[in-house]
Full PDB file with SEQRES, HELIX, SHEET, SSBOND, CRYST1, ORIGX, SCALE, CONECT and MASTER records, all heavy atoms in Angstrom:
SEQRES   1 A   31  VAL PRO PHE ALA LEU GLY GLN LYS VAL GLU PHE VAL ASN          
SEQRES   2 A   31  ASN HIS GLY PRO ILE LEU SER ASP PHE ASN LEU LYS LEU          
SEQRES   3 A   31  PHE LEU ASP ASN ASP                                          
HELIX    1 AA1 LEU A   24  LEU A   28  1                                   5    
SHEET    1 AA1 2 VAL A   9  VAL A  12  0                                        
SHEET    2 AA1 2 GLY A  16  LEU A  19 -1                                        
CRYST1    1.000    1.000    1.000  90.00  90.00  90.00 P 1           1          
ORIGX1      1.000000  0.000000  0.000000        0.00000                         
ORIGX2      0.000000  1.000000  0.000000        0.00000                         
ORIGX3      0.000000  0.000000  1.000000        0.00000                         
SCALE1      1.000000  0.000000  0.000000        0.00000                         
SCALE2      0.000000  1.000000  0.000000        0.00000                         
SCALE3      0.000000  0.000000  1.000000        0.00000                         
ATOM      1  N   VAL A   1     -54.808 -94.909-137.507  1.00  0.00           N  
ATOM      2  CA  VAL A   1     -53.662 -94.734-138.400  1.00  0.00           C  
ATOM      3  C   VAL A   1     -52.867 -93.460-138.032  1.00  0.00           C  
ATOM      4  O   VAL A   1     -51.646 -93.544-137.834  1.00  0.00           O  
ATOM      5  CB  VAL A   1     -54.075 -94.759-139.880  1.00  0.00           C  
ATOM      6  CG1 VAL A   1     -52.943 -94.249-140.786  1.00  0.00           C  
ATOM      7  CG2 VAL A   1     -54.471 -96.159-140.281  1.00  0.00           C  
ATOM      8  N   PRO A   2     -53.508 -92.276-137.931  1.00  0.00           N  
ATOM      9  CA  PRO A   2     -52.741 -91.134-137.452  1.00  0.00           C  
ATOM     10  C   PRO A   2     -52.112 -91.361-136.069  1.00  0.00           C  
ATOM     11  O   PRO A   2     -50.989 -90.919-135.810  1.00  0.00           O  
ATOM     12  CB  PRO A   2     -53.799 -90.016-137.380  1.00  0.00           C  
ATOM     13  CG  PRO A   2     -54.839 -90.412-138.377  1.00  0.00           C  
ATOM     14  CD  PRO A   2     -54.860 -91.915-138.341  1.00  0.00           C  
ATOM     15  N   PHE A   3     -52.819 -92.059-135.196  1.00  0.00           N  
ATOM     16  CA  PHE A   3     -52.282 -92.405-133.886  1.00  0.00           C  
ATOM     17  C   PHE A   3     -50.985 -93.207-134.038  1.00  0.00           C  
ATOM     18  O   PHE A   3     -49.961 -92.910-133.380  1.00  0.00           O  
ATOM     19  CB  PHE A   3     -53.305 -93.192-133.065  1.00  0.00           C  
ATOM     20  CG  PHE A   3     -52.738 -93.939-131.923  1.00  0.00           C  
ATOM     21  CD1 PHE A   3     -52.440 -93.268-130.717  1.00  0.00           C  
ATOM     22  CD2 PHE A   3     -52.438 -95.311-132.003  1.00  0.00           C  
ATOM     23  CE1 PHE A   3     -51.889 -93.962-129.640  1.00  0.00           C  
ATOM     24  CE2 PHE A   3     -51.878 -95.989-130.941  1.00  0.00           C  
ATOM     25  CZ  PHE A   3     -51.616 -95.341-129.740  1.00  0.00           C  
ATOM     26  N   ALA A   4     -51.017 -94.221-134.907  1.00  0.00           N  
ATOM     27  CA  ALA A   4     -49.825 -95.067-135.093  1.00  0.00           C  
ATOM     28  C   ALA A   4     -48.710 -94.319-135.786  1.00  0.00           C  
ATOM     29  O   ALA A   4     -47.542 -94.729-135.728  1.00  0.00           O  
ATOM     30  CB  ALA A   4     -50.216 -96.293-135.901  1.00  0.00           C  
ATOM     31  N   LEU A   5     -49.012 -93.179-136.446  1.00  0.00           N  
ATOM     32  CA  LEU A   5     -48.029 -92.384-137.119  1.00  0.00           C  
ATOM     33  C   LEU A   5     -47.550 -91.234-136.257  1.00  0.00           C  
ATOM     34  O   LEU A   5     -46.828 -90.338-136.731  1.00  0.00           O  
ATOM     35  CB  LEU A   5     -48.577 -91.860-138.429  1.00  0.00           C  
ATOM     36  CG  LEU A   5     -48.845 -92.930-139.497  1.00  0.00           C  
ATOM     37  CD1 LEU A   5     -49.578 -92.350-140.709  1.00  0.00           C  
ATOM     38  CD2 LEU A   5     -47.539 -93.573-139.933  1.00  0.00           C  
ATOM     39  N   GLY A   6     -47.891 -91.226-134.973  1.00  0.00           N  
ATOM     40  CA  GLY A   6     -47.310 -90.322-134.007  1.00  0.00           C  
ATOM     41  C   GLY A   6     -48.133 -89.161-133.537  1.00  0.00           C  
ATOM     42  O   GLY A   6     -47.669 -88.349-132.718  1.00  0.00           O  
ATOM     43  N   GLN A   7     -49.377 -89.003-134.040  1.00  0.00           N  
ATOM     44  CA  GLN A   7     -50.201 -87.936-133.561  1.00  0.00           C  
ATOM     45  C   GLN A   7     -51.022 -88.353-132.344  1.00  0.00           C  
ATOM     46  O   GLN A   7     -51.541 -89.473-132.306  1.00  0.00           O  
ATOM     47  CB  GLN A   7     -51.147 -87.439-134.669  1.00  0.00           C  
ATOM     48  CG  GLN A   7     -50.593 -86.276-135.460  1.00  0.00           C  
ATOM     49  CD  GLN A   7     -51.582 -85.699-136.436  1.00  0.00           C  
ATOM     50  OE1 GLN A   7     -51.925 -86.344-137.428  1.00  0.00           O  
ATOM     51  NE2 GLN A   7     -52.053 -84.502-136.167  1.00  0.00           N  
ATOM     52  N   LYS A   8     -51.163 -87.484-131.402  1.00  0.00           N  
ATOM     53  CA  LYS A   8     -52.018 -87.751-130.264  1.00  0.00           C  
ATOM     54  C   LYS A   8     -53.463 -87.593-130.703  1.00  0.00           C  
ATOM     55  O   LYS A   8     -53.827 -86.620-131.368  1.00  0.00           O  
ATOM     56  CB  LYS A   8     -51.751 -86.798-129.116  1.00  0.00           C  
ATOM     57  CG  LYS A   8     -52.571 -87.080-127.853  1.00  0.00           C  
ATOM     58  CD  LYS A   8     -52.216 -86.125-126.732  1.00  0.00           C  
ATOM     59  CE  LYS A   8     -53.082 -86.405-125.516  1.00  0.00           C  
ATOM     60  NZ  LYS A   8     -52.808 -85.437-124.407  1.00  0.00           N  
ATOM     61  N   VAL A   9     -54.285 -88.592-130.391  1.00  0.00           N  
ATOM     62  CA  VAL A   9     -55.711 -88.557-130.779  1.00  0.00           C  
ATOM     63  C   VAL A   9     -56.562 -88.705-129.522  1.00  0.00           C  
ATOM     64  O   VAL A   9     -56.381 -89.629-128.751  1.00  0.00           O  
ATOM     65  CB  VAL A   9     -56.073 -89.701-131.759  1.00  0.00           C  
ATOM     66  CG1 VAL A   9     -57.533 -89.648-132.147  1.00  0.00           C  
ATOM     67  CG2 VAL A   9     -55.168 -89.633-133.002  1.00  0.00           C  
ATOM     68  N   GLU A  10     -57.454 -87.765-129.336  1.00  0.00           N  
ATOM     69  CA  GLU A  10     -58.313 -87.754-128.155  1.00  0.00           C  
ATOM     70  C   GLU A  10     -59.756 -87.565-128.573  1.00  0.00           C  
ATOM     71  O   GLU A  10     -60.050 -86.725-129.448  1.00  0.00           O  
ATOM     72  CB  GLU A  10     -57.912 -86.644-127.181  1.00  0.00           C  
ATOM     73  CG  GLU A  10     -58.652 -86.666-125.866  1.00  0.00           C  
ATOM     74  CD  GLU A  10     -58.183 -85.539-124.926  1.00  0.00           C  
ATOM     75  OE1 GLU A  10     -57.339 -84.739-125.362  1.00  0.00           O  
ATOM     76  OE2 GLU A  10     -58.695 -85.471-123.807  1.00  0.00           O  
ATOM     77  N   PHE A  11     -60.652 -88.367-127.998  1.00  0.00           N  
ATOM     78  CA  PHE A  11     -62.088 -88.222-128.280  1.00  0.00           C  
ATOM     79  C   PHE A  11     -62.767 -87.524-127.099  1.00  0.00           C  
ATOM     80  O   PHE A  11     -62.681 -87.995-125.970  1.00  0.00           O  
ATOM     81  CB  PHE A  11     -62.724 -89.591-128.526  1.00  0.00           C  
ATOM     82  CG  PHE A  11     -62.347 -90.178-129.857  1.00  0.00           C  
ATOM     83  CD1 PHE A  11     -61.113 -90.832-130.037  1.00  0.00           C  
ATOM     84  CD2 PHE A  11     -63.219 -90.090-130.943  1.00  0.00           C  
ATOM     85  CE1 PHE A  11     -60.759 -91.360-131.239  1.00  0.00           C  
ATOM     86  CE2 PHE A  11     -62.877 -90.635-132.169  1.00  0.00           C  
ATOM     87  CZ  PHE A  11     -61.621 -91.253-132.329  1.00  0.00           C  
ATOM     88  N   VAL A  12     -63.394 -86.412-127.392  1.00  0.00           N  
ATOM     89  CA  VAL A  12     -64.022 -85.592-126.380  1.00  0.00           C  
ATOM     90  C   VAL A  12     -65.556 -85.643-126.539  1.00  0.00           C  
ATOM     91  O   VAL A  12     -66.071 -85.491-127.666  1.00  0.00           O  
ATOM     92  CB  VAL A  12     -63.550 -84.133-126.438  1.00  0.00           C  
ATOM     93  CG1 VAL A  12     -64.244 -83.263-125.376  1.00  0.00           C  
ATOM     94  CG2 VAL A  12     -62.045 -84.048-126.309  1.00  0.00           C  
ATOM     95  N   ASN A  13     -66.251 -85.878-125.472  1.00  0.00           N  
ATOM     96  CA  ASN A  13     -67.707 -85.972-125.518  1.00  0.00           C  
ATOM     97  C   ASN A  13     -68.336 -84.725-126.131  1.00  0.00           C  
ATOM     98  O   ASN A  13     -67.953 -83.609-125.801  1.00  0.00           O  
ATOM     99  CB  ASN A  13     -68.303 -86.160-124.096  1.00  0.00           C  
ATOM    100  CG  ASN A  13     -68.112 -87.603-123.601  1.00  0.00           C  
ATOM    101  OD1 ASN A  13     -67.910 -88.512-124.409  1.00  0.00           O  
ATOM    102  ND2 ASN A  13     -68.148 -87.778-122.293  1.00  0.00           N  
ATOM    103  N   ASN A  14     -69.282 -84.938-127.044  1.00  0.00           N  
ATOM    104  CA  ASN A  14     -70.024 -83.871-127.717  1.00  0.00           C  
ATOM    105  C   ASN A  14     -69.149 -82.965-128.580  1.00  0.00           C  
ATOM    106  O   ASN A  14     -69.552 -81.864-128.938  1.00  0.00           O  
ATOM    107  CB  ASN A  14     -70.785 -83.013-126.689  1.00  0.00           C  
ATOM    108  CG  ASN A  14     -71.746 -83.837-125.870  1.00  0.00           C  
ATOM    109  OD1 ASN A  14     -72.449 -84.712-126.394  1.00  0.00           O  
ATOM    110  ND2 ASN A  14     -71.789 -83.579-124.561  1.00  0.00           N  
ATOM    111  N   HIS A  15     -67.937 -83.419-128.869  1.00  0.00           N  
ATOM    112  CA  HIS A  15     -67.034 -82.620-129.689  1.00  0.00           C  
ATOM    113  C   HIS A  15     -66.428 -83.445-130.823  1.00  0.00           C  
ATOM    114  O   HIS A  15     -66.208 -82.936-131.909  1.00  0.00           O  
ATOM    115  CB  HIS A  15     -65.923 -82.007-128.828  1.00  0.00           C  
ATOM    116  CG  HIS A  15     -65.080 -81.004-129.548  1.00  0.00           C  
ATOM    117  ND1 HIS A  15     -64.075 -81.405-130.435  1.00  0.00           N  
ATOM    118  CD2 HIS A  15     -65.093 -79.666-129.561  1.00  0.00           C  
ATOM    119  CE1 HIS A  15     -63.493 -80.328-130.942  1.00  0.00           C  
ATOM    120  NE2 HIS A  15     -64.087 -79.257-130.433  1.00  0.00           N  
ATOM    121  N   GLY A  16     -66.188 -84.720-130.549  1.00  0.00           N  
ATOM    122  CA  GLY A  16     -65.540 -85.573-131.558  1.00  0.00           C  
ATOM    123  C   GLY A  16     -64.039 -85.646-131.322  1.00  0.00           C  
ATOM    124  O   GLY A  16     -63.524 -85.238-130.295  1.00  0.00           O  
ATOM    125  N   PRO A  17     -63.297 -86.124-132.313  1.00  0.00           N  
ATOM    126  CA  PRO A  17     -61.858 -86.311-132.149  1.00  0.00           C  
ATOM    127  C   PRO A  17     -61.071 -85.025-132.203  1.00  0.00           C  
ATOM    128  O   PRO A  17     -61.383 -84.127-132.980  1.00  0.00           O  
ATOM    129  CB  PRO A  17     -61.483 -87.244-133.337  1.00  0.00           C  
ATOM    130  CG  PRO A  17     -62.515 -86.916-134.371  1.00  0.00           C  
ATOM    131  CD  PRO A  17     -63.785 -86.594-133.606  1.00  0.00           C  
ATOM    132  N   ILE A  18     -60.058 -84.945-131.364  1.00  0.00           N  
ATOM    133  CA  ILE A  18     -59.109 -83.833-131.369  1.00  0.00           C  
ATOM    134  C   ILE A  18     -57.696 -84.422-131.540  1.00  0.00           C  
ATOM    135  O   ILE A  18     -57.276 -85.298-130.779  1.00  0.00           O  
ATOM    136  CB  ILE A  18     -59.187 -83.032-130.061  1.00  0.00           C  
ATOM    137  CG1 ILE A  18     -60.588 -82.393-129.927  1.00  0.00           C  
ATOM    138  CG2 ILE A  18     -58.111 -81.937-130.041  1.00  0.00           C  
ATOM    139  CD1 ILE A  18     -60.767 -81.629-128.620  1.00  0.00           C  
ATOM    140  N   LEU A  19     -56.983 -83.934-132.554  1.00  0.00           N  
ATOM    141  CA  LEU A  19     -55.622 -84.407-132.824  1.00  0.00           C  
ATOM    142  C   LEU A  19     -54.628 -83.308-132.480  1.00  0.00           C  
ATOM    143  O   LEU A  19     -54.910 -82.119-132.632  1.00  0.00           O  
ATOM    144  CB  LEU A  19     -55.464 -84.799-134.281  1.00  0.00           C  
ATOM    145  CG  LEU A  19     -55.967 -86.192-134.683  1.00  0.00           C  
ATOM    146  CD1 LEU A  19     -57.498 -86.297-134.587  1.00  0.00           C  
ATOM    147  CD2 LEU A  19     -55.508 -86.536-136.101  1.00  0.00           C  
ATOM    148  N   SER A  20     -53.472 -83.728-131.986  1.00  0.00           N  
ATOM    149  CA  SER A  20     -52.398 -82.777-131.700  1.00  0.00           C  
ATOM    150  C   SER A  20     -51.897 -82.146-132.994  1.00  0.00           C  
ATOM    151  O   SER A  20     -52.176 -82.623-134.093  1.00  0.00           O  
ATOM    152  CB  SER A  20     -51.243 -83.487-130.980  1.00  0.00           C  
ATOM    153  OG  SER A  20     -50.712 -84.521-131.801  1.00  0.00           O  
ATOM    154  N   ASP A  21     -51.176 -81.049-132.859  1.00  0.00           N  
ATOM    155  CA  ASP A  21     -50.665 -80.356-134.051  1.00  0.00           C  
ATOM    156  C   ASP A  21     -49.830 -81.295-134.907  1.00  0.00           C  
ATOM    157  O   ASP A  21     -49.034 -82.099-134.386  1.00  0.00           O  
ATOM    158  CB  ASP A  21     -49.804 -79.150-133.642  1.00  0.00           C  
ATOM    159  CG  ASP A  21     -50.662 -78.022-133.023  1.00  0.00           C  
ATOM    160  OD1 ASP A  21     -51.889 -78.052-133.240  1.00  0.00           O  
ATOM    161  OD2 ASP A  21     -50.091 -77.187-132.308  1.00  0.00           O  
ATOM    162  N   PHE A  22     -50.033 -81.186-136.201  1.00  0.00           N  
ATOM    163  CA  PHE A  22     -49.325 -82.067-137.119  1.00  0.00           C  
ATOM    164  C   PHE A  22     -47.874 -81.631-137.266  1.00  0.00           C  
ATOM    165  O   PHE A  22     -47.559 -80.473-137.419  1.00  0.00           O  
ATOM    166  CB  PHE A  22     -50.005 -82.024-138.512  1.00  0.00           C  
ATOM    167  CG  PHE A  22     -49.354 -82.918-139.541  1.00  0.00           C  
ATOM    168  CD1 PHE A  22     -49.556 -84.285-139.506  1.00  0.00           C  
ATOM    169  CD2 PHE A  22     -48.526 -82.356-140.505  1.00  0.00           C  
ATOM    170  CE1 PHE A  22     -48.926 -85.100-140.453  1.00  0.00           C  
ATOM    171  CE2 PHE A  22     -47.911 -83.179-141.459  1.00  0.00           C  
ATOM    172  CZ  PHE A  22     -48.126 -84.552-141.430  1.00  0.00           C  
ATOM    173  N   ASN A  23     -46.956 -82.632-137.200  1.00  0.00           N  
ATOM    174  CA  ASN A  23     -45.527 -82.394-137.340  1.00  0.00           C  
ATOM    175  C   ASN A  23     -45.034 -83.190-138.546  1.00  0.00           C  
ATOM    176  O   ASN A  23     -44.969 -84.426-138.512  1.00  0.00           O  
ATOM    177  CB  ASN A  23     -44.800 -82.846-136.059  1.00  0.00           C  
ATOM    178  CG  ASN A  23     -43.295 -82.541-136.089  1.00  0.00           C  
ATOM    179  OD1 ASN A  23     -42.641 -82.834-137.078  1.00  0.00           O  
ATOM    180  ND2 ASN A  23     -42.801 -81.984-135.001  1.00  0.00           N  
ATOM    181  N   LEU A  24     -44.710 -82.511-139.631  1.00  0.00           N  
ATOM    182  CA  LEU A  24     -44.339 -83.182-140.863  1.00  0.00           C  
ATOM    183  C   LEU A  24     -43.087 -84.034-140.680  1.00  0.00           C  
ATOM    184  O   LEU A  24     -43.041 -85.160-141.179  1.00  0.00           O  
ATOM    185  CB  LEU A  24     -44.107 -82.161-141.984  1.00  0.00           C  
ATOM    186  CG  LEU A  24     -43.748 -82.749-143.357  1.00  0.00           C  
ATOM    187  CD1 LEU A  24     -44.870 -83.657-143.870  1.00  0.00           C  
ATOM    188  CD2 LEU A  24     -43.442 -81.619-144.352  1.00  0.00           C  
ATOM    189  N   LYS A  25     -42.083 -83.540-139.935  1.00  0.00           N  
ATOM    190  CA  LYS A  25     -40.844 -84.299-139.748  1.00  0.00           C  
ATOM    191  C   LYS A  25     -41.148 -85.578-139.020  1.00  0.00           C  
ATOM    192  O   LYS A  25     -40.636 -86.664-139.392  1.00  0.00           O  
ATOM    193  CB  LYS A  25     -39.809 -83.456-138.984  1.00  0.00           C  
ATOM    194  CG  LYS A  25     -38.476 -84.173-138.831  1.00  0.00           C  
ATOM    195  CD  LYS A  25     -37.472 -83.309-138.080  1.00  0.00           C  
ATOM    196  CE  LYS A  25     -36.108 -84.001-137.992  1.00  0.00           C  
ATOM    197  NZ  LYS A  25     -36.169 -85.339-137.383  1.00  0.00           N  
ATOM    198  N   LEU A  26     -41.945 -85.490-137.969  1.00  0.00           N  
ATOM    199  CA  LEU A  26     -42.303 -86.692-137.178  1.00  0.00           C  
ATOM    200  C   LEU A  26     -43.053 -87.684-138.060  1.00  0.00           C  
ATOM    201  O   LEU A  26     -42.800 -88.885-138.013  1.00  0.00           O  
ATOM    202  CB  LEU A  26     -43.164 -86.303-135.990  1.00  0.00           C  
ATOM    203  CG  LEU A  26     -43.662 -87.435-135.094  1.00  0.00           C  
ATOM    204  CD1 LEU A  26     -42.505 -88.126-134.408  1.00  0.00           C  
ATOM    205  CD2 LEU A  26     -44.645 -86.886-134.047  1.00  0.00           C  
ATOM    206  N   PHE A  27     -43.938 -87.155-138.876  1.00  0.00           N  
ATOM    207  CA  PHE A  27     -44.712 -87.983-139.798  1.00  0.00           C  
ATOM    208  C   PHE A  27     -43.818 -88.722-140.783  1.00  0.00           C  
ATOM    209  O   PHE A  27     -43.956 -89.926-140.992  1.00  0.00           O  
ATOM    210  CB  PHE A  27     -45.719 -87.105-140.555  1.00  0.00           C  
ATOM    211  CG  PHE A  27     -46.496 -87.816-141.632  1.00  0.00           C  
ATOM    212  CD1 PHE A  27     -47.539 -88.690-141.315  1.00  0.00           C  
ATOM    213  CD2 PHE A  27     -46.200 -87.606-142.973  1.00  0.00           C  
ATOM    214  CE1 PHE A  27     -48.266 -89.330-142.323  1.00  0.00           C  
ATOM    215  CE2 PHE A  27     -46.899 -88.235-143.982  1.00  0.00           C  
ATOM    216  CZ  PHE A  27     -47.934 -89.125-143.658  1.00  0.00           C  
ATOM    217  N   LEU A  28     -42.850 -88.026-141.362  1.00  0.00           N  
ATOM    218  CA  LEU A  28     -41.958 -88.602-142.362  1.00  0.00           C  
ATOM    219  C   LEU A  28     -40.949 -89.568-141.757  1.00  0.00           C  
ATOM    220  O   LEU A  28     -40.378 -90.424-142.469  1.00  0.00           O  
ATOM    221  CB  LEU A  28     -41.238 -87.496-143.150  1.00  0.00           C  
ATOM    222  CG  LEU A  28     -42.146 -86.593-143.989  1.00  0.00           C  
ATOM    223  CD1 LEU A  28     -41.296 -85.488-144.665  1.00  0.00           C  
ATOM    224  CD2 LEU A  28     -42.852 -87.416-145.078  1.00  0.00           C  
ATOM    225  N   ASP A  29     -40.702 -89.441-140.455  1.00  0.00           N  
ATOM    226  CA  ASP A  29     -39.749 -90.301-139.778  1.00  0.00           C  
ATOM    227  C   ASP A  29     -40.305 -91.687-139.415  1.00  0.00           C  
ATOM    228  O   ASP A  29     -39.597 -92.515-138.872  1.00  0.00           O  
ATOM    229  CB  ASP A  29     -39.226 -89.631-138.477  1.00  0.00           C  
ATOM    230  CG  ASP A  29     -38.192 -88.545-138.749  1.00  0.00           C  
ATOM    231  OD1 ASP A  29     -37.660 -88.538-139.893  1.00  0.00           O  
ATOM    232  OD2 ASP A  29     -37.913 -87.757-137.877  1.00  0.00           O  
ATOM    233  N   ASN A  30     -41.589 -91.892-139.685  1.00  0.00           N  
ATOM    234  CA  ASN A  30     -42.186 -93.199-139.387  1.00  0.00           C  
ATOM    235  C   ASN A  30     -41.613 -94.295-140.288  1.00  0.00           C  
ATOM    236  O   ASN A  30     -41.098 -94.018-141.341  1.00  0.00           O  
ATOM    237  CB  ASN A  30     -43.695 -93.110-139.569  1.00  0.00           C  
ATOM    238  CG  ASN A  30     -44.384 -92.462-138.371  1.00  0.00           C  
ATOM    239  OD1 ASN A  30     -44.503 -93.044-137.313  1.00  0.00           O  
ATOM    240  ND2 ASN A  30     -44.826 -91.214-138.543  1.00  0.00           N  
ATOM    241  N   ASP A  31     -41.785 -95.502-139.820  1.00  0.00           N  
ATOM    242  CA  ASP A  31     -41.373 -96.667-140.642  1.00  0.00           C  
ATOM    243  C   ASP A  31     -42.391 -97.802-140.455  1.00  0.00           C  
ATOM    244  O   ASP A  31     -43.194 -97.782-139.513  1.00  0.00           O  
ATOM    245  CB  ASP A  31     -39.985 -97.148-140.270  1.00  0.00           C  
ATOM    246  CG  ASP A  31     -39.896 -97.625-138.830  1.00  0.00           C  
ATOM    247  OD1 ASP A  31     -40.285 -98.770-138.563  1.00  0.00           O  
ATOM    248  OD2 ASP A  31     -39.460 -96.837-137.969  1.00  0.00           O  
TER     249      ASP A  31                                                      
MASTER        0    0    0    1    2    0    0    6  248    1    0    3          
END                                                                             
């Protein structure tokens, strides 16, 4: 869901998911 809303999501071994910095404008611009 965050991926589809514009955030980059990466899964790193032995670390778990890492998401790019959140951008509120980008988030609100989704449809």
